Amino acid sequence: MSVTAAVPPSTSTMSSPATSSSSSSSSILDLNARRKSISTSSSSFISTHRFKCIISRSFRSISYPSPIRIRHLSPVMEWQDCTVKMEVDVPTSVAYKCYSDHGAIPEWMPFISSVKMVEDKPDLSRWSLKYKAFGQDLEYSWLARHMQPTPNQKLHWRSVEGLPNRGAVRFFPKGPSSCIIQLTVSYEVPLLLVPVASALKPFFENLLAQGLERFAIFAKSYSADVHLNDL
């Protein structure tokens, strides 16, 4: 007679009802916790999204000033006005005629090297200046437009390119055989001469006065020649 011993069931393959019930309860709790976490995250996301939308609308509603435009201004150049007067022993008509001969100006104006009328344009002339001063060999040129003159009273001009300048010559009769000439020249101080701008005006006025002195001799010689030709 053989006896078969009863082998108890393995604890690794079988669980007690209590253990199964505990595991089921734990799973339910974990699921609820996850649902709660998801719900909290969703609420947090929605709140954050709403906050961003409110902030975005607020910034859009703010009116910002237009950007300031910075204007780059050109440096203001200095202009100088020089005026000289001189009595000339010739009639006003003779002085006016002599000064109207632009091609002859280099003969009596010390710093003007040439004046050439533009072909087919009698109201335009090209001027060249050459002079040594302030330790520099100065050379400038410009194209001048001669404005409508007043016969025996006024000649005036202005540059249209090159060295900026303008000027006028006025003739005042003093008697039948003499007149007073007033010469005014305005110019933009060249960049090279800005450091000596304060000394430039009296220097240039002295040159203009020298020019008128030589013009007086030139005009008197011209008047004598005209008188001889009339004999």
Protein backbone atom coordinates (compact mmCIF):
# COMPACT_ATOMS: atom_id res chain seq x y z
CA MET A 1 0.00 0.00 0.00
CA SER A 2 1.47 3.23 -1.06
CA VAL A 3 0.94 6.55 0.54
CA THR A 4 0.97 9.69 -1.50
CA ALA A 5 1.79 12.81 0.41
CA ALA A 6 -0.29 15.86 -0.32
CA VAL A 7 1.85 18.74 -1.58
CA PRO A 8 0.60 22.19 -0.53
CA PRO A 9 0.07 24.70 -3.31
CA SER A 10 3.00 27.03 -4.02
CA THR A 11 2.73 30.53 -2.64
CA SER A 12 4.34 31.88 -5.80
CA THR A 13 1.55 30.72 -8.06
CA MET A 14 -1.45 31.20 -5.82
CA SER A 15 -2.53 34.21 -3.84
CA SER A 16 -4.91 34.52 -1.08
CA PRO A 17 -8.20 36.34 -1.52
CA ALA A 18 -7.02 39.04 0.84
CA THR A 19 -3.90 39.71 -1.19
CA SER A 20 -5.91 39.89 -4.42
CA SER A 21 -8.35 42.30 -2.90
CA SER A 22 -5.53 44.55 -1.65
CA SER A 23 -3.89 44.65 -5.08
CA SER A 24 -7.16 45.56 -6.76
CA SER A 25 -7.74 48.40 -4.33
CA SER A 26 -4.23 49.74 -4.94
CA SER A 27 -4.80 49.76 -8.71
CA ILE A 28 -8.01 51.68 -8.32
CA LEU A 29 -6.26 54.26 -6.14
CA ASP A 30 -3.43 54.66 -8.66
CA LEU A 31 -5.92 55.16 -11.48
CA ASN A 32 -7.82 57.80 -9.54
CA ALA A 33 -4.55 59.56 -8.71
CA ARG A 34 -3.57 59.61 -12.37
CA ARG A 35 -6.96 60.99 -13.38
CA LYS A 36 -6.64 63.67 -10.75
CA SER A 37 -3.12 64.53 -11.93
CA ILE A 38 -4.26 64.74 -15.54
CA SER A 39 -7.19 66.93 -14.54
CA THR A 40 -4.88 69.22 -12.55
CA SER A 41 -2.41 69.43 -15.45
CA SER A 42 -5.22 70.23 -17.88
CA SER A 43 -6.52 72.96 -15.61
CA SER A 44 -3.01 74.36 -15.22
CA PHE A 45 -2.48 74.33 -19.01
CA ILE A 46 -5.82 76.03 -19.64
CA SER A 47 -5.07 78.69 -17.00
CA THR A 48 -1.60 79.33 -18.46
CA HIS A 49 -3.02 79.54 -21.99
CA ARG A 50 -5.70 82.01 -20.87
CA PHE A 51 -3.07 84.12 -19.08
CA LYS A 52 -0.92 84.24 -22.24
CA CYS A 53 -3.92 85.27 -24.33
CA ILE A 54 -4.80 88.06 -21.88
CA ILE A 55 -1.21 89.33 -21.85
CA SER A 56 -1.02 89.18 -25.65
CA ARG A 57 -4.25 91.17 -26.04
CA SER A 58 -3.03 93.70 -23.48
CA PHE A 59 0.22 94.29 -25.36
CA ARG A 60 -1.65 94.62 -28.64
CA SER A 61 -3.91 97.26 -27.14
CA ILE A 62 -0.97 99.40 -25.97
CA SER A 63 -0.13 102.20 -28.42
CA TYR A 64 3.60 102.65 -28.78
CA PRO A 65 5.14 105.88 -30.06
CA SER A 66 6.54 105.76 -33.57
CA PRO A 67 10.33 105.32 -33.72
CA ILE A 68 12.32 108.53 -33.69
CA ARG A 69 14.01 109.23 -36.99
CA ILE A 70 17.50 110.59 -36.64
CA ARG A 71 18.33 113.17 -39.29
CA HIS A 72 21.93 113.42 -40.28
CA LEU A 73 22.54 117.10 -40.84
CA SER A 74 25.23 118.39 -43.07
CA PRO A 75 27.75 120.58 -41.34
CA VAL A 76 26.92 124.26 -41.65
CA MET A 77 29.67 126.00 -43.58
CA GLU A 78 30.72 129.55 -42.75
CA TRP A 79 30.02 132.37 -45.18
CA GLN A 80 31.89 135.65 -45.13
CA ASP A 81 30.92 138.99 -46.69
CA CYS A 82 33.61 141.40 -47.82
CA THR A 83 32.94 144.95 -49.01
CA VAL A 84 35.34 147.61 -50.26
CA LYS A 85 34.81 151.05 -51.80
CA MET A 86 36.99 153.27 -53.95
CA GLU A 87 36.74 156.48 -55.88
CA VAL A 88 37.76 156.19 -59.52
CA ASP A 89 38.61 159.17 -61.71
CA VAL A 90 36.51 158.10 -64.68
CA PRO A 91 32.83 158.64 -65.50
CA THR A 92 30.35 156.04 -64.28
CA SER A 93 29.69 154.84 -67.83
CA VAL A 94 33.40 154.17 -68.42
CA ALA A 95 33.84 152.32 -65.10
CA TYR A 96 30.77 150.21 -65.83
CA LYS A 97 32.00 149.33 -69.33
CA CYS A 98 35.49 148.40 -68.08
CA TYR A 99 34.13 146.14 -65.32
CA SER A 100 31.77 144.48 -67.80
CA ASP A 101 34.81 143.23 -69.74
CA HIS A 102 35.14 140.00 -67.74
CA GLY A 103 38.02 138.67 -69.82
CA ALA A 104 40.14 141.66 -68.70
CA ILE A 105 39.56 141.13 -64.96
CA PRO A 106 42.78 139.04 -64.49
CA GLU A 107 44.73 142.11 -65.64
CA TRP A 108 43.84 144.05 -62.50
CA MET A 109 42.49 141.57 -59.90
CA PRO A 110 45.58 139.98 -58.25
CA PHE A 111 44.11 136.58 -57.32
CA ILE A 112 42.11 135.85 -60.50
CA SER A 113 44.16 133.91 -63.04
CA SER A 114 41.56 133.58 -65.81
CA VAL A 115 37.97 134.35 -66.77
CA LYS A 116 36.53 132.68 -69.86
CA MET A 117 33.06 133.18 -71.22
CA VAL A 118 31.13 130.00 -72.02
CA GLU A 119 30.58 129.64 -75.75
CA ASP A 120 26.98 130.28 -76.85
CA LYS A 121 26.05 131.19 -73.25
CA PRO A 122 26.88 134.86 -72.67
CA ASP A 123 25.48 134.80 -69.13
CA LEU A 124 27.97 132.13 -67.98
CA SER A 125 31.71 132.36 -67.36
CA ARG A 126 34.40 130.11 -65.88
CA TRP A 127 36.70 131.61 -63.27
CA SER A 128 40.02 130.36 -61.92
CA LEU A 129 41.73 131.57 -58.76
CA LYS A 130 45.41 131.03 -58.04
CA TYR A 131 47.18 132.64 -55.13
CA LYS A 132 49.74 131.78 -52.47
CA ALA A 133 48.62 132.62 -48.94
CA PHE A 134 48.74 131.18 -45.42
CA GLY A 135 51.54 128.87 -46.51
CA GLN A 136 49.31 127.26 -49.15
CA ASP A 137 49.14 127.37 -52.93
CA LEU A 138 45.44 128.10 -53.29
CA GLU A 139 43.67 127.05 -56.46
CA TYR A 140 39.90 127.18 -56.94
CA SER A 141 37.52 127.43 -59.86
CA TRP A 142 33.81 128.02 -60.37
CA LEU A 143 31.15 128.60 -62.98
CA ALA A 144 29.38 131.93 -62.54
CA ARG A 145 26.03 133.10 -63.81
CA HIS A 146 25.80 136.82 -64.52
CA MET A 147 22.46 138.13 -63.37
CA GLN A 148 20.45 140.79 -65.18
CA PRO A 149 22.52 144.00 -64.87
CA THR A 150 21.35 147.55 -64.32
CA PRO A 151 23.30 149.62 -66.88
CA ASN A 152 25.80 152.04 -65.33
CA GLN A 153 24.54 151.09 -61.85
CA LYS A 154 24.97 147.44 -60.97
CA LEU A 155 26.62 144.18 -62.04
CA HIS A 156 26.05 141.02 -59.99
CA TRP A 157 26.65 137.29 -60.20
CA ARG A 158 26.53 134.01 -58.32
CA SER A 159 28.32 130.71 -58.74
CA VAL A 160 26.36 127.71 -60.00
CA GLU A 161 29.11 125.13 -59.49
CA GLY A 162 32.55 124.99 -57.94
CA LEU A 163 33.59 127.35 -55.14
CA PRO A 164 30.35 128.81 -53.67
CA ASN A 165 30.33 132.60 -53.97
CA ARG A 166 28.26 135.57 -55.07
CA GLY A 167 28.88 139.25 -55.47
CA ALA A 168 27.86 142.64 -56.78
CA VAL A 169 29.52 145.80 -58.08
CA ARG A 170 27.67 149.10 -57.69
CA PHE A 171 28.54 152.36 -59.39
CA PHE A 172 27.68 155.73 -57.81
CA PRO A 173 28.36 158.90 -59.83
CA LYS A 174 30.28 161.54 -57.94
CA GLY A 175 30.64 164.04 -60.73
CA PRO A 176 30.91 164.23 -64.52
CA SER A 177 34.35 162.60 -64.50
CA SER A 178 34.46 160.41 -61.38
CA CYS A 179 32.48 157.77 -59.54
CA ILE A 180 32.57 155.55 -56.47
CA ILE A 181 32.74 151.79 -56.93
CA GLN A 182 31.45 149.49 -54.20
CA LEU A 183 32.46 145.84 -54.53
CA THR A 184 30.85 143.17 -52.34
CA VAL A 185 31.91 139.53 -52.50
CA SER A 186 30.41 136.75 -50.37
CA TYR A 187 31.94 133.30 -50.29
CA GLU A 188 31.83 130.03 -48.42
CA VAL A 189 35.06 129.54 -46.49
CA PRO A 190 36.92 126.64 -48.14
CA LEU A 191 37.54 123.68 -45.85
CA LEU A 192 41.29 124.14 -46.18
CA LEU A 193 41.01 127.69 -44.80
CA VAL A 194 38.57 127.08 -41.93
CA PRO A 195 41.40 127.15 -39.33
CA VAL A 196 42.30 130.70 -40.45
CA ALA A 197 38.74 131.92 -41.12
CA SER A 198 39.05 134.83 -38.68
CA ALA A 199 42.10 136.16 -40.56
CA LEU A 200 40.65 135.41 -43.99
CA LYS A 201 38.15 138.28 -44.17
CA PRO A 202 40.58 141.20 -43.61
CA PHE A 203 43.12 139.46 -45.86
CA PHE A 204 40.59 139.10 -48.68
CA GLU A 205 39.26 142.64 -48.26
CA ASN A 206 42.83 143.87 -48.65
CA LEU A 207 43.14 141.89 -51.90
CA LEU A 208 39.88 143.37 -53.18
CA ALA A 209 41.10 146.87 -52.34
CA GLN A 210 44.33 146.21 -54.23
CA GLY A 211 42.24 145.02 -57.15
CA LEU A 212 40.16 148.21 -57.20
CA GLU A 213 43.32 150.34 -57.05
CA ARG A 214 44.62 148.54 -60.12
CA PHE A 215 41.17 148.81 -61.73
CA ALA A 216 41.26 152.59 -61.27
CA ILE A 217 44.51 152.71 -63.26
CA PHE A 218 43.13 150.29 -65.85
CA ALA A 219 39.90 152.30 -66.28
CA LYS A 220 41.74 155.60 -66.53
CA SER A 221 44.03 154.17 -69.21
CA TYR A 222 40.98 152.83 -71.04
CA SER A 223 39.28 156.23 -70.85
CA ALA A 224 42.38 157.93 -72.26
CA ASP A 225 42.54 155.46 -75.15
CA VAL A 226 38.86 156.02 -75.95
CA HIS A 227 39.39 159.78 -75.85
CA LEU A 228 42.35 159.53 -78.23
CA ASN A 229 40.36 157.37 -80.62
CA ASP A 230 37.58 159.94 -80.63
CA LEU A 231 39.98 162.71 -81.74
